[in-house]
Protein backbone atom coordinates (compact mmCIF):
# COMPACT_ATOMS: atom_id res chain seq x y z
CA UNK A 1 -19.68 5.23 -24.48
CA UNK A 2 -18.85 2.15 -22.65
CA UNK A 3 -16.19 -0.02 -23.69
CA UNK A 4 -16.76 -3.80 -24.35
CA UNK A 5 -16.63 -6.10 -21.31
CA UNK A 6 -13.67 -8.68 -21.40
CA UNK A 7 -15.19 -11.94 -22.26
CA UNK A 8 -12.40 -14.55 -22.23
CA UNK A 9 -9.97 -15.53 -19.45
CA UNK A 10 -6.92 -14.03 -21.21
CA UNK A 11 -8.74 -10.81 -21.84
CA UNK A 12 -10.06 -10.58 -18.13
CA UNK A 13 -6.68 -11.50 -16.72
CA UNK A 14 -4.96 -8.58 -18.93
CA UNK A 15 -7.70 -6.25 -17.75
CA UNK A 16 -7.10 -6.74 -14.27
CA UNK A 17 -3.54 -6.72 -14.71
CA UNK A 18 -3.45 -3.44 -16.55
CA UNK A 19 -5.80 -1.93 -14.05
CA UNK A 20 -3.31 -2.97 -11.23
CA UNK A 21 -0.55 -1.08 -13.18
CA UNK A 22 1.55 -4.48 -13.30
CA UNK A 23 3.60 -5.71 -16.21
CA UNK A 24 3.53 -9.37 -17.00
CA UNK A 25 6.86 -9.81 -15.22
CA UNK A 26 5.77 -8.02 -12.10
CA UNK A 27 2.52 -10.07 -12.00
CA UNK A 28 4.35 -13.09 -12.38
CA UNK A 29 6.93 -12.26 -9.59
CA UNK A 30 3.82 -11.51 -7.17
CA UNK A 31 1.88 -14.76 -8.21
CA UNK A 32 5.09 -17.11 -8.17
CA UNK A 33 4.54 -18.02 -11.89
CA UNK A 34 6.41 -17.40 -15.11
CA UNK A 35 6.21 -14.40 -17.18
CA UNK A 36 5.79 -16.63 -20.32
CA UNK A 37 3.06 -18.27 -18.63
CA UNK A 38 1.24 -15.15 -18.05
CA UNK A 39 1.91 -14.21 -21.70
CA UNK A 40 0.54 -17.66 -22.93
CA UNK A 41 -2.56 -17.14 -20.53
CA UNK A 42 -3.37 -13.29 -21.91
CA UNK A 43 -2.64 -14.54 -25.66
CA UNK A 44 -5.16 -17.39 -25.22
CA UNK A 45 -2.36 -19.95 -25.81
CA UNK A 46 -3.15 -21.76 -22.46
CA UNK A 47 -6.70 -22.33 -22.41
CA UNK A 48 -7.36 -24.28 -19.09
CA UNK A 49 -5.27 -22.84 -16.40
CA UNK A 50 -5.12 -24.77 -13.01
CA UNK A 51 -7.46 -23.80 -10.30
CA UNK A 52 -4.24 -23.27 -8.26
CA UNK A 53 -3.02 -21.10 -10.86
CA UNK A 54 -6.10 -18.95 -10.94
CA UNK A 55 -6.00 -18.62 -7.13
CA UNK A 56 -2.11 -17.14 -7.20
CA UNK A 57 -3.46 -14.75 -9.85
CA UNK A 58 -6.57 -13.47 -7.83
CA UNK A 59 -4.46 -13.12 -4.84
CA UNK A 60 -1.61 -11.23 -6.64
CA UNK A 61 -4.09 -8.91 -8.20
CA UNK A 62 -6.28 -8.47 -5.02
CA UNK A 63 -9.25 -9.30 -6.93
CA UNK A 64 -12.81 -9.31 -4.87
CA UNK A 65 -14.72 -12.42 -4.60
CA UNK A 66 -17.00 -11.56 -7.24
CA UNK A 67 -14.12 -10.81 -9.58
CA UNK A 68 -12.58 -14.06 -8.80
CA UNK A 69 -15.63 -15.70 -9.49
CA UNK A 70 -15.76 -14.08 -12.82
CA UNK A 71 -12.06 -15.07 -13.63
CA UNK A 72 -12.76 -18.88 -12.66
CA UNK A 73 -16.06 -18.79 -15.01
CA UNK A 74 -14.16 -17.48 -17.80
CA UNK A 75 -11.51 -20.20 -17.40
CA UNK A 76 -14.08 -22.84 -17.30
CA UNK A 77 -16.09 -21.40 -20.22
CA UNK A 78 -13.00 -21.48 -22.51
CA UNK A 79 -12.16 -24.95 -21.83
CA UNK A 80 -15.49 -25.93 -22.75
CA UNK A 81 -16.33 -27.29 -26.32
CA UNK A 82 -17.36 -24.70 -28.86
CA UNK A 83 -20.19 -25.23 -31.02
CA UNK A 84 -20.23 -22.87 -34.15
CA UNK A 85 -23.47 -20.82 -34.70
CA UNK A 86 -25.53 -21.05 -37.48
CA UNK A 87 -24.42 -18.79 -40.28
CA UNK A 88 -27.70 -17.07 -40.51
CA UNK A 89 -28.06 -16.50 -36.88
CA UNK A 90 -28.16 -13.09 -35.47
CA UNK A 91 -26.71 -13.78 -32.02
CA UNK A 92 -23.44 -13.55 -30.72
CA UNK A 93 -21.14 -16.68 -30.29
CA UNK A 94 -20.49 -17.52 -26.61
CA UNK A 95 -17.48 -19.65 -25.48
CA UNK A 96 -19.69 -22.21 -23.79
CA UNK A 97 -22.11 -24.55 -24.98
CA UNK A 98 -23.41 -26.80 -21.91
CA UNK A 99 -25.67 -29.49 -22.48
CA UNK A 100 -29.61 -28.47 -22.59
CA UNK A 101 -32.53 -30.69 -21.33
CA UNK A 102 -33.32 -33.70 -23.33
CA UNK A 103 -36.50 -33.97 -25.37
CA UNK A 104 -39.72 -33.56 -23.02
CA UNK A 105 -37.98 -31.89 -20.16
CA UNK A 106 -38.94 -28.49 -19.03
CA UNK A 107 -36.66 -25.72 -19.77
CA UNK A 108 -35.61 -23.38 -16.63
CA UNK A 109 -34.00 -20.22 -16.94
CA UNK A 110 -32.54 -19.19 -13.58
CA UNK A 111 -31.86 -15.60 -12.87
CA UNK A 112 -30.26 -13.67 -10.03
CA UNK A 113 -32.93 -11.24 -8.46
CA UNK A 114 -32.43 -7.57 -7.39
CA UNK A 115 -29.05 -7.59 -9.24
CA UNK A 116 -28.11 -7.55 -12.93
CA UNK A 117 -25.39 -9.27 -14.72
CA UNK A 118 -22.63 -7.22 -16.25
CA UNK A 119 -24.22 -7.65 -19.79
CA UNK A 120 -27.81 -8.91 -19.46
CA UNK A 121 -28.36 -8.72 -23.35
CA UNK A 122 -25.22 -10.84 -23.98
CA UNK A 123 -26.65 -13.14 -21.45
CA UNK A 124 -29.95 -13.46 -23.21
CA UNK A 125 -28.24 -13.62 -26.62
CA UNK A 126 -25.99 -16.46 -24.88
CA UNK A 127 -28.97 -18.48 -23.71
CA UNK A 128 -30.73 -18.01 -26.86
CA UNK A 129 -27.80 -19.39 -28.80
CA UNK A 130 -27.37 -22.39 -26.42
CA UNK A 131 -31.22 -23.07 -26.84
CA UNK A 132 -30.63 -23.04 -30.78
CA UNK A 133 -27.60 -25.05 -30.23
CA UNK A 134 -29.15 -27.65 -28.31
CA UNK A 135 -32.10 -27.84 -30.94
CA UNK A 136 -29.39 -28.23 -33.57
CA UNK A 137 -27.84 -31.13 -31.95
CA UNK A 138 -30.96 -33.05 -30.36
CA UNK A 139 -33.57 -32.47 -33.32
CA UNK A 140 -33.35 -33.44 -36.94
CA UNK A 141 -31.63 -31.12 -39.38
CA UNK A 142 -34.23 -28.18 -40.18
CA UNK A 143 -34.65 -26.38 -43.35
CA UNK A 144 -32.84 -23.11 -43.33
CA UNK A 145 -36.02 -21.03 -43.37
CA UNK A 146 -37.47 -22.81 -40.18
CA UNK A 147 -34.17 -22.43 -38.39
CA UNK A 148 -33.92 -18.75 -39.29
CA UNK A 149 -37.26 -18.16 -37.79
CA UNK A 150 -36.82 -20.40 -34.61
CA UNK A 151 -33.80 -18.86 -33.20
CA UNK A 152 -35.08 -15.07 -32.96
CA UNK A 153 -38.31 -16.57 -31.45
CA UNK A 154 -36.04 -18.54 -28.77
CA UNK A 155 -34.07 -15.37 -28.10
CA UNK A 156 -37.25 -13.26 -27.65
CA UNK A 157 -38.51 -16.24 -25.15
CA UNK A 158 -35.57 -15.65 -23.19
CA UNK A 159 -35.72 -11.87 -23.17
CA UNK A 160 -39.18 -12.34 -21.85
CA UNK A 161 -38.25 -14.70 -19.26
CA UNK A 162 -35.22 -12.53 -18.08
CA UNK A 163 -37.44 -9.40 -17.58
CA UNK A 164 -40.04 -11.35 -15.68
CA UNK A 165 -37.24 -12.82 -13.44
CA UNK A 166 -35.76 -9.45 -12.57
CA UNK A 167 -32.69 -9.95 -14.20
CA UNK A 168 -33.12 -7.14 -16.71
CA UNK A 169 -34.04 -3.83 -15.24
CA UNK A 170 -37.19 -1.89 -16.14
CA UNK A 171 -35.25 1.08 -17.22
CA UNK A 172 -33.28 -0.45 -19.98
CA UNK A 173 -32.29 -3.57 -21.55
CA UNK A 174 -28.53 -3.24 -21.04
CA UNK A 175 -28.65 -3.72 -17.25
CA UNK A 176 -25.30 -2.64 -16.94
CA UNK A 177 -24.06 -0.85 -13.59
CA UNK A 178 -24.23 2.88 -14.33
CA UNK A 179 -20.79 4.40 -14.95
CA UNK A 180 -20.10 7.71 -13.25
CA UNK A 181 -19.15 10.14 -15.44
CA UNK A 182 -15.22 10.89 -15.79
CA UNK A 183 -13.66 14.02 -14.65
CA UNK A 184 -10.59 15.71 -12.84
CA UNK A 185 -9.27 13.90 -9.76
CA UNK A 186 -6.46 15.20 -7.66
CA UNK A 187 -3.74 14.04 -5.15
CA UNK A 188 -2.47 16.63 -3.04
CA UNK A 189 1.09 16.43 -1.56
CA UNK A 190 2.38 18.35 1.67
CA UNK A 191 6.11 18.39 1.72
CA UNK A 192 9.08 20.68 2.94
CA UNK A 193 10.00 21.90 -0.42
CA UNK A 194 11.35 25.27 0.37
CA UNK A 195 14.61 26.07 2.25
CA UNK A 196 12.88 27.32 5.34
CA UNK A 197 14.46 24.52 7.32
CA UNK A 198 17.82 24.38 5.52
CA UNK A 199 18.61 23.55 1.85
CA UNK A 200 18.82 19.75 2.67
CA UNK A 201 15.02 19.87 3.72
CA UNK A 202 14.07 21.51 0.64
CA UNK A 203 15.84 19.27 -1.73
CA UNK A 204 14.61 16.16 0.23
CA UNK A 205 10.94 17.53 0.38
CA UNK A 206 11.13 18.11 -3.75
CA UNK A 207 12.38 14.47 -3.95
CA UNK A 208 9.25 13.20 -2.19
CA UNK A 209 7.04 15.52 -4.28
CA UNK A 210 8.69 14.08 -7.35
CA UNK A 211 7.82 10.58 -6.29
CA UNK A 212 4.24 11.21 -5.96
CA UNK A 213 4.34 12.94 -9.38
CA UNK A 214 5.89 9.91 -10.74
CA UNK A 215 3.42 7.81 -9.60
CA UNK A 216 0.64 10.35 -11.11
CA UNK A 217 2.20 10.44 -14.52
CA UNK A 218 2.15 6.60 -14.70
CA UNK A 219 -1.41 6.74 -14.15
CA UNK A 220 -2.35 9.96 -15.81
CA UNK A 221 -5.62 8.26 -17.32
CA UNK A 222 -7.66 6.10 -14.95
CA UNK A 223 -10.24 5.01 -17.41
CA UNK A 224 -14.13 6.01 -17.89
CA UNK A 225 -12.99 9.49 -18.79
CA UNK A 226 -11.06 10.22 -15.55
CA UNK A 227 -8.02 11.97 -15.36
CA UNK A 228 -5.34 12.46 -12.36
CA UNK A 229 -3.02 15.21 -11.41
CA UNK A 230 -1.18 16.56 -8.56
CA UNK A 231 -1.78 19.71 -6.61
CA UNK A 232 1.35 20.31 -4.21
CA UNK A 233 1.59 22.24 -0.92
CA UNK A 234 4.51 23.72 0.90
CA UNK A 235 4.41 21.96 4.45
CA UNK A 236 4.73 24.37 7.23
CA UNK A 237 7.93 24.08 9.33
CA UNK A 238 7.23 22.07 12.51
CA UNK A 239 8.55 24.94 14.51
CA UNK A 240 6.24 27.41 13.26
CA UNK A 241 3.38 24.82 13.87
CA UNK A 242 4.20 24.43 17.33
CA UNK A 243 3.96 27.99 18.02
CA UNK A 244 1.21 28.50 15.71
CA UNK A 245 -0.99 25.29 14.97
CA UNK A 246 -3.38 27.29 12.69
CA UNK A 247 -0.52 27.55 10.30
CA UNK A 248 -0.20 23.98 10.13
CA UNK A 249 -3.79 23.47 9.32
CA UNK A 250 -3.84 26.08 6.38
CA UNK A 251 -2.89 23.72 3.93
CA UNK A 252 -5.44 20.95 4.57
CA UNK A 253 -8.08 23.59 4.98
CA UNK A 254 -7.37 24.48 1.43
CA UNK A 255 -7.46 21.03 0.36
CA UNK A 256 -10.75 20.16 1.75
CA UNK A 257 -12.23 23.01 -0.03
CA UNK A 258 -11.08 21.72 -3.33
CA UNK A 259 -13.25 19.39 -4.70
CA UNK A 260 -11.10 17.58 -7.14
CA UNK A 261 -8.88 16.42 -4.21
CA UNK A 262 -9.56 12.94 -2.88
CA UNK A 263 -6.56 12.20 -1.08
CA UNK A 264 -3.27 13.83 0.23
CA UNK A 265 0.23 12.44 0.60
CA UNK A 266 2.13 13.76 3.66
CA UNK A 267 3.12 15.57 5.99
CA UNK A 268 6.73 14.56 6.94
CA UNK A 269 6.64 16.20 10.48
CA UNK A 270 4.71 14.36 13.04
CA UNK A 271 3.80 17.77 14.88
CA UNK A 272 2.69 19.07 11.48
CA UNK A 273 0.21 16.03 11.29
CA UNK A 274 -1.08 16.70 14.64
CA UNK A 275 -2.37 19.98 13.56
CA UNK A 276 -3.58 18.83 10.19
CA UNK A 277 -5.67 15.77 11.32
CA UNK A 278 -8.62 17.48 13.18
CA UNK A 279 -9.33 19.15 9.79
CA UNK A 280 -9.03 16.27 7.41
CA UNK A 281 -10.87 13.90 9.77
CA UNK A 282 -14.00 16.23 9.97
CA UNK A 283 -13.80 16.37 6.17
CA UNK A 284 -13.17 12.74 5.69
CA UNK A 285 -10.09 13.37 3.32
CA UNK A 286 -7.51 10.51 3.25
CA UNK A 287 -4.08 11.22 4.31
CA UNK A 288 -1.04 8.87 4.06
CA UNK A 289 2.23 10.02 5.46
CA UNK A 290 5.45 8.40 4.28
CA UNK A 291 7.53 9.70 7.39
CA UNK A 292 5.61 10.46 10.75
CA UNK A 293 6.76 8.05 13.42
CA UNK A 294 5.07 9.76 16.26
CA UNK A 295 3.00 6.59 18.10
CA UNK A 296 0.62 9.24 19.46
CA UNK A 297 -1.07 9.67 16.19
CA UNK A 298 -2.51 6.31 15.73
CA UNK A 299 -2.31 5.00 19.24
CA UNK A 300 -4.42 6.41 22.09
CA UNK A 301 -2.11 4.98 24.77
CA UNK A 302 0.85 7.14 23.92
CA UNK A 303 -1.32 10.47 23.67
CA UNK A 304 -0.64 11.74 27.13
CA UNK A 305 3.08 11.35 26.40
CA UNK A 306 3.20 13.64 23.58
CA UNK A 307 0.56 16.00 24.86
CA UNK A 308 -1.68 15.11 22.25
CA UNK A 309 -5.61 15.35 22.16
CA UNK A 310 -6.44 12.10 20.80
CA UNK A 311 -10.20 12.82 20.07
CA UNK A 312 -9.35 15.78 18.26
CA UNK A 313 -7.15 13.72 15.78
CA UNK A 314 -9.88 10.98 15.62
CA UNK A 315 -13.14 12.55 16.39
CA UNK A 316 -15.71 10.02 17.73
CA UNK A 317 -17.91 8.69 14.86
CA UNK A 318 -15.58 9.36 12.23
CA UNK A 319 -13.94 6.91 9.95
CA UNK A 320 -10.02 6.46 10.18
CA UNK A 321 -8.63 8.76 7.57
CA UNK A 322 -4.93 9.04 8.60
CA UNK A 323 -2.53 6.38 7.70
CA UNK A 324 1.17 5.71 7.17
CA UNK A 325 3.23 3.79 5.29
CA UNK A 326 6.19 3.93 8.06
CA UNK A 327 6.16 2.14 11.35
CA UNK A 328 5.87 4.16 14.40
CA UNK A 329 8.72 4.35 17.03
CA UNK A 330 6.97 1.72 19.01
CA UNK A 331 7.54 -0.73 16.28
CA UNK A 332 10.73 0.45 15.56
CA UNK A 333 11.66 -0.23 19.05
CA UNK A 334 10.30 -3.76 18.75
CA UNK A 335 12.33 -4.51 15.64
CA UNK A 336 15.45 -3.13 17.17
CA UNK A 337 14.96 -5.80 20.06
CA UNK A 338 14.36 -8.29 17.47
CA UNK A 339 17.60 -7.62 15.77
CA UNK A 340 19.63 -7.10 19.04
CA UNK A 341 18.75 -10.40 20.57
CA UNK A 342 18.85 -12.61 17.45
CA UNK A 343 22.32 -14.82 17.19
CA UNK A 344 24.72 -13.72 14.48
CA UNK A 345 25.26 -13.60 11.72
CA UNK A 346 21.55 -12.12 11.64
CA UNK A 347 21.92 -10.40 14.81
CA UNK A 348 23.89 -9.39 17.52
CA UNK A 349 23.15 -12.30 20.13
CA UNK A 350 22.77 -9.84 23.17
CA UNK A 351 21.15 -11.18 26.41
CA UNK A 352 21.42 -8.10 28.70
CA UNK A 353 20.79 -4.47 27.95
CA UNK A 354 21.09 -0.92 29.61
CA UNK A 355 18.73 1.44 28.01
CA UNK A 356 19.07 5.29 28.16
CA UNK A 357 17.03 8.00 26.58
CA UNK A 358 17.56 11.70 25.87
CA UNK A 359 14.81 13.31 27.65
CA UNK A 360 12.82 13.86 24.24
CA UNK A 361 9.99 11.93 23.07
CA UNK A 362 11.70 8.86 22.39
CA UNK A 363 10.41 6.74 25.17
CA UNK A 364 8.30 4.99 22.77
CA UNK A 365 11.56 3.45 21.05
CA UNK A 366 12.79 2.40 24.52
CA UNK A 367 9.27 0.95 25.60
CA UNK A 368 8.87 -1.09 22.45
CA UNK A 369 12.67 -2.26 22.77
CA UNK A 370 12.12 -3.14 26.63
CA UNK A 371 9.00 -5.04 26.12
CA UNK A 372 9.99 -7.11 23.31
CA UNK A 373 13.59 -7.77 24.66
CA UNK A 374 12.18 -9.25 27.74
CA UNK A 375 9.63 -11.11 26.17
CA UNK A 376 12.11 -12.86 24.07
CA UNK A 377 14.18 -13.93 27.25
CA UNK A 378 16.63 -10.80 27.52
CA UNK A 379 17.48 -9.11 30.62
CA UNK A 380 17.37 -5.11 31.12
CA UNK A 381 20.28 -4.34 33.82
CA UNK A 382 19.48 -0.51 34.07
CA UNK A 383 17.82 2.45 32.76
CA UNK A 384 18.66 6.18 32.69
CA UNK A 385 18.67 9.17 30.92
CA UNK A 386 21.06 11.46 29.54
CA UNK A 387 22.20 13.55 32.61
CA UNK A 388 22.38 17.34 32.53
CA UNK A 389 25.56 19.05 33.60
CA UNK A 390 27.94 18.35 30.58
CA UNK A 391 30.89 16.20 30.24
CA UNK A 392 31.74 15.43 33.84
CA UNK A 393 28.23 13.98 34.34
CA UNK A 394 28.46 12.10 31.18
CA UNK A 395 31.65 10.44 32.17
CA UNK A 396 30.05 9.35 35.71
CA UNK A 397 27.01 7.86 33.93
CA UNK A 398 29.26 6.03 31.39
CA UNK A 399 31.14 4.54 34.38
CA UNK A 400 28.18 3.32 35.97
CA UNK A 401 26.63 1.85 32.74
CA UNK A 402 29.91 0.00 32.15
CA UNK A 403 29.97 -1.39 35.79
CA UNK A 404 26.49 -3.10 35.05
CA UNK A 405 28.10 -5.17 32.01
CA UNK A 406 25.38 -5.16 29.67
CA UNK A 407 25.79 -6.80 26.17
CA UNK A 408 24.50 -3.78 24.59
CA UNK A 409 23.70 -0.09 25.49
CA UNK A 410 20.42 1.17 23.82
CA UNK A 411 20.16 4.82 23.02
CA UNK A 412 16.82 6.03 22.53
CA UNK A 413 17.60 9.68 21.37
CA UNK A 414 18.83 11.70 18.59
CA UNK A 415 22.36 12.84 17.50
CA UNK A 416 21.72 16.35 19.36
CA UNK A 417 21.10 15.37 22.65
CA UNK A 418 24.69 13.99 23.86
CA UNK A 419 24.49 10.29 22.70
CA UNK A 420 27.71 10.47 20.57
CA UNK A 421 29.73 11.93 23.58
CA UNK A 422 28.07 8.89 25.79
CA UNK A 423 29.46 6.64 23.38
CA UNK A 424 32.87 8.01 23.32
CA UNK A 425 32.85 7.93 27.25
CA UNK A 426 32.00 4.40 27.21
CA UNK A 427 34.90 3.24 25.17
CA UNK A 428 37.21 5.70 27.55
CA UNK A 429 36.02 3.77 30.54
CA UNK A 430 36.66 0.25 28.96
CA UNK A 431 33.25 -0.70 27.60
CA UNK A 432 33.44 -2.91 24.69
CA UNK A 433 30.00 -3.95 23.90
CA UNK A 434 27.66 -2.94 21.42
CA UNK A 435 25.67 0.58 21.17
CA UNK A 436 22.46 0.35 19.41
CA UNK A 437 19.77 3.16 18.64
CA UNK A 438 16.95 4.16 16.14
CA UNK A 439 16.56 6.49 13.26
CA UNK A 440 17.63 9.39 15.67
CA UNK A 441 21.22 8.72 14.52
CA UNK A 442 21.09 6.18 11.58
CA UNK A 443 23.20 7.75 8.69
CA UNK A 444 23.77 11.05 10.39
CA UNK A 445 27.52 11.96 9.96
CA UNK A 446 27.33 14.51 12.67
CA UNK A 447 26.78 11.67 15.21
CA UNK A 448 29.83 9.71 14.05
CA UNK A 449 31.87 12.81 14.29
CA UNK A 450 30.75 13.45 17.72
CA UNK A 451 31.90 9.84 18.78
CA UNK A 452 35.21 10.23 16.95
CA UNK A 453 36.33 7.38 14.25
CA UNK A 454 38.37 5.51 17.15
CA UNK A 455 35.17 4.95 19.25
CA UNK A 456 32.66 4.42 16.51
CA UNK A 457 33.03 0.62 16.18
CA UNK A 458 30.22 -1.55 17.26
CA UNK A 459 27.44 1.10 16.35
CA UNK A 460 24.14 -0.26 14.98
CA UNK A 461 20.94 1.79 14.02
CA UNK A 462 17.75 0.81 12.76
CA UNK A 463 15.79 2.95 10.51
CA UNK A 464 12.05 2.57 9.57
CA UNK A 465 12.48 2.60 5.93
CA UNK A 466 13.84 0.92 3.37
CA UNK A 467 17.15 1.31 1.31
CA UNK A 468 15.58 1.48 -2.26
CA UNK A 469 19.18 0.68 -3.94
CA UNK A 470 19.27 -2.59 -1.96
CA UNK A 471 15.61 -3.70 -2.49
CA UNK A 472 15.58 -6.47 -5.34
CA UNK A 473 12.35 -6.88 -6.51
CA UNK A 474 11.14 -5.94 -10.04
CA UNK A 475 8.70 -3.16 -8.87
CA UNK A 476 11.76 -1.48 -6.67
CA UNK A 477 14.24 -1.95 -9.47
CA UNK A 478 11.78 -0.12 -11.83
CA UNK A 479 11.17 2.52 -9.18
CA UNK A 480 14.93 3.31 -8.81
CA UNK A 481 15.19 3.17 -12.52
CA UNK A 482 12.25 5.57 -13.19
CA UNK A 483 13.28 8.04 -10.61
CA UNK A 484 16.73 8.46 -11.90
CA UNK A 485 15.54 8.71 -15.56
CA UNK A 486 12.64 11.52 -14.59
CA UNK A 487 14.24 13.29 -11.75
CA UNK A 488 18.27 12.90 -12.03
CA UNK A 489 20.28 14.06 -9.01
CA UNK A 490 17.36 13.71 -6.45
CA UNK A 491 17.58 12.13 -3.42
CA UNK A 492 16.42 8.79 -3.33
CA UNK A 493 15.80 7.28 0.00
CA UNK A 494 13.41 5.01 1.72
CA UNK A 495 11.21 8.02 2.57
CA UNK A 496 11.07 8.72 -1.21
CA UNK A 497 9.88 5.37 -2.01
CA UNK A 498 7.44 5.64 0.80
CA UNK A 499 5.98 8.70 -0.83
CA UNK A 500 5.46 6.68 -4.08
CA UNK A 501 4.00 3.73 -2.39
CA UNK A 502 1.50 6.24 -0.36
CA UNK A 503 0.55 7.44 -3.66
CA UNK A 504 -0.09 4.01 -5.61
CA UNK A 505 -2.16 3.22 -2.55
CA UNK A 506 -4.69 6.20 -3.23
CA UNK A 507 -4.49 5.48 -6.98
CA UNK A 508 -5.45 2.06 -6.41
CA UNK A 509 -8.03 2.93 -4.41
CA UNK A 510 -9.52 5.36 -6.99
CA UNK A 511 -9.13 2.94 -9.80
CA UNK A 512 -11.10 0.10 -7.89
CA UNK A 513 -13.97 2.28 -7.40
CA UNK A 514 -13.88 3.28 -11.11
CA UNK A 515 -13.60 -0.33 -12.13
CA UNK A 516 -16.71 -1.20 -9.99
CA UNK A 517 -18.61 1.72 -11.52
CA UNK A 518 -18.90 3.61 -8.24
CA UNK A 519 -18.54 7.32 -7.93
CA UNK A 520 -15.07 8.36 -6.58
CA UNK A 521 -15.92 10.18 -3.27
CA UNK A 522 -13.67 11.04 -0.45
CA UNK A 523 -15.70 8.46 1.75
CA UNK A 524 -15.45 5.70 -0.87
CA UNK A 525 -11.65 6.49 -1.15
CA UNK A 526 -11.37 5.94 2.52
CA UNK A 527 -13.16 2.64 2.56
CA UNK A 528 -10.72 1.31 -0.14
CA UNK A 529 -7.78 2.53 1.54
CA UNK A 530 -8.59 1.01 4.79
CA UNK A 531 -9.04 -2.32 3.06
CA UNK A 532 -6.21 -2.10 0.72
CA UNK A 533 -3.79 -4.96 0.40
CA UNK A 534 -1.12 -4.11 -1.98
CA UNK A 535 2.50 -4.88 -2.80
CA UNK A 536 4.65 -1.87 -3.39
CA UNK A 537 8.13 -0.79 -3.87
CA UNK A 538 8.48 -1.34 -0.17
CA UNK A 539 6.74 -4.60 0.24
CA UNK A 540 3.50 -5.49 1.38
CA UNK A 541 1.12 -2.76 2.26
CA UNK A 542 -2.08 -3.08 4.54
CA UNK A 543 -3.27 -1.15 7.51
CA UNK A 544 -4.83 -1.96 10.75
CA UNK A 545 -7.90 -0.27 12.17
CA UNK A 546 -5.62 2.26 13.62
CA UNK A 547 -4.04 3.42 10.47
CA UNK A 548 -0.62 1.82 11.03
CA UNK A 549 0.99 -0.41 8.34
CA UNK A 550 0.78 -4.01 9.21
CA UNK A 551 3.93 -5.16 7.58
CA UNK A 552 6.87 -2.84 8.18
CA UNK A 553 10.31 -2.71 6.53
CA UNK A 554 13.48 -1.48 8.41
CA UNK A 555 16.86 -0.85 7.47
CA UNK A 556 20.10 -1.73 9.69
CA UNK A 557 23.05 0.45 9.40
CA UNK A 558 26.36 0.31 11.18
CA UNK A 559 29.61 2.18 11.14
CA UNK A 560 32.85 1.23 9.50
CA UNK A 561 35.87 3.44 9.07
CA UNK A 562 33.87 6.30 10.13
CA UNK A 563 31.00 6.08 7.78
CA UNK A 564 27.60 4.62 8.02
CA UNK A 565 26.96 1.55 5.92
CA UNK A 566 23.78 -0.32 5.19
CA UNK A 567 23.84 -3.73 6.69
CA UNK A 568 20.57 -5.56 5.81
CA UNK A 569 16.78 -5.25 5.79
CA UNK A 570 14.53 -6.08 8.40
CA UNK A 571 10.66 -6.64 8.34
CA UNK A 572 7.58 -7.17 10.51
């Protein structure tokens, strides 16, 4: 049984808002309107919204062109004068009554060919009632028995006209798009929820899983008989995947053979994604990672640097099926350069930099930084790698770096490869400039301990995720509140927020298919995700043709009194 279609502007607005999973307050924030105004429109207290208001609402709700036109039409109909129907008429009372032709003019009923309106019978009744209302206004009052015969005849004429014009389909007079039968739909997760990589990893992975479960709990019933649930998988540790790629593909092989699974959130390790992507690509399963930052996953240019066969990850002729809501290391380097060269108080105001890497795959961060820093007028005074040979070689290198007198030293590396010792040696040889890096050291206490509290001043690190506790939007505050209520004590960081947003992207894609009366297939979900435009906990979310997020959000941290503290959010 199908539910009645919303007819008034207020009903349509509420229908789209609820479908998008938004409160009145959240929609008001997105559209730049007041929550009271949204409430008044939905309750019918505000009958004729301005065109600009409709435009704001359509954009905030990410309506299609057809949905926006329907909303505009409803607004115009509601503001038209209402003519009450004849008490004895057996037709519905539409909300409009446009002028009909004057006496002697021919009546033309125009209908779209090859596509039926959402409710053709309603349209027929609507036109029939309009004709009856026109007769009532233009002609002399008719006797009741004559009027009661005239309106049904006019309605029959309109139905015949619509049938001949192609508006009503021959298989039935409802002409409504067929609804695909409901059923069980599933999202899979692929996170490190055991202690195989250490207790912190298991707790962190479980927090990511909980974020997806929260999104699904909030959208358990999708409408039209569809329900949603989560099927969790345990991510295979990247150390095992590197030795045995088939182990990394086991989870997704199971996923693609589970019919109800139409999308997955994960994995967290980029090397695990390398093993999984060939399987999901061949089977068209959408996967959205909250944590992968390896550029080679989406950019062919970097495939050789990471030893990746790009055509295996993205088979020719297949749609893009891998997406991520986190920026890659390339974009992390770009944003680090912007922060470094920007004048205070929003940045460091550096004009010269010495770039050093740690022999790992962090050259993407170094490359992104160098390109952007030079483009903005900065100067690279030198480049190097962490030297082999221990402390004596580090001291020699620190002296050479200090002699070049850079405003900032850029470390493209991790906390495990000697970056902390290098910073300590730089202070010992008299270097007083800033030391900046990426997520390889951000918020890692061991790095600060290696540097030493006395030498830990002027350290800055950028991370490709938000700090949920510092986000101020209604959506972010609600997410933090709900996470703490449902899963007290869990880790609540930017990756957890990313996992929630990734799940919501898939859920929005599914909902849009259901609302359009389309079958929810993996291929259809892919198309929706590729074209998604959403505002999530972490801000605007959309993807380019490579699967990279087009609007990144970053957190900048610094060290104070031997501890990492959050400074600000950056976005591109």
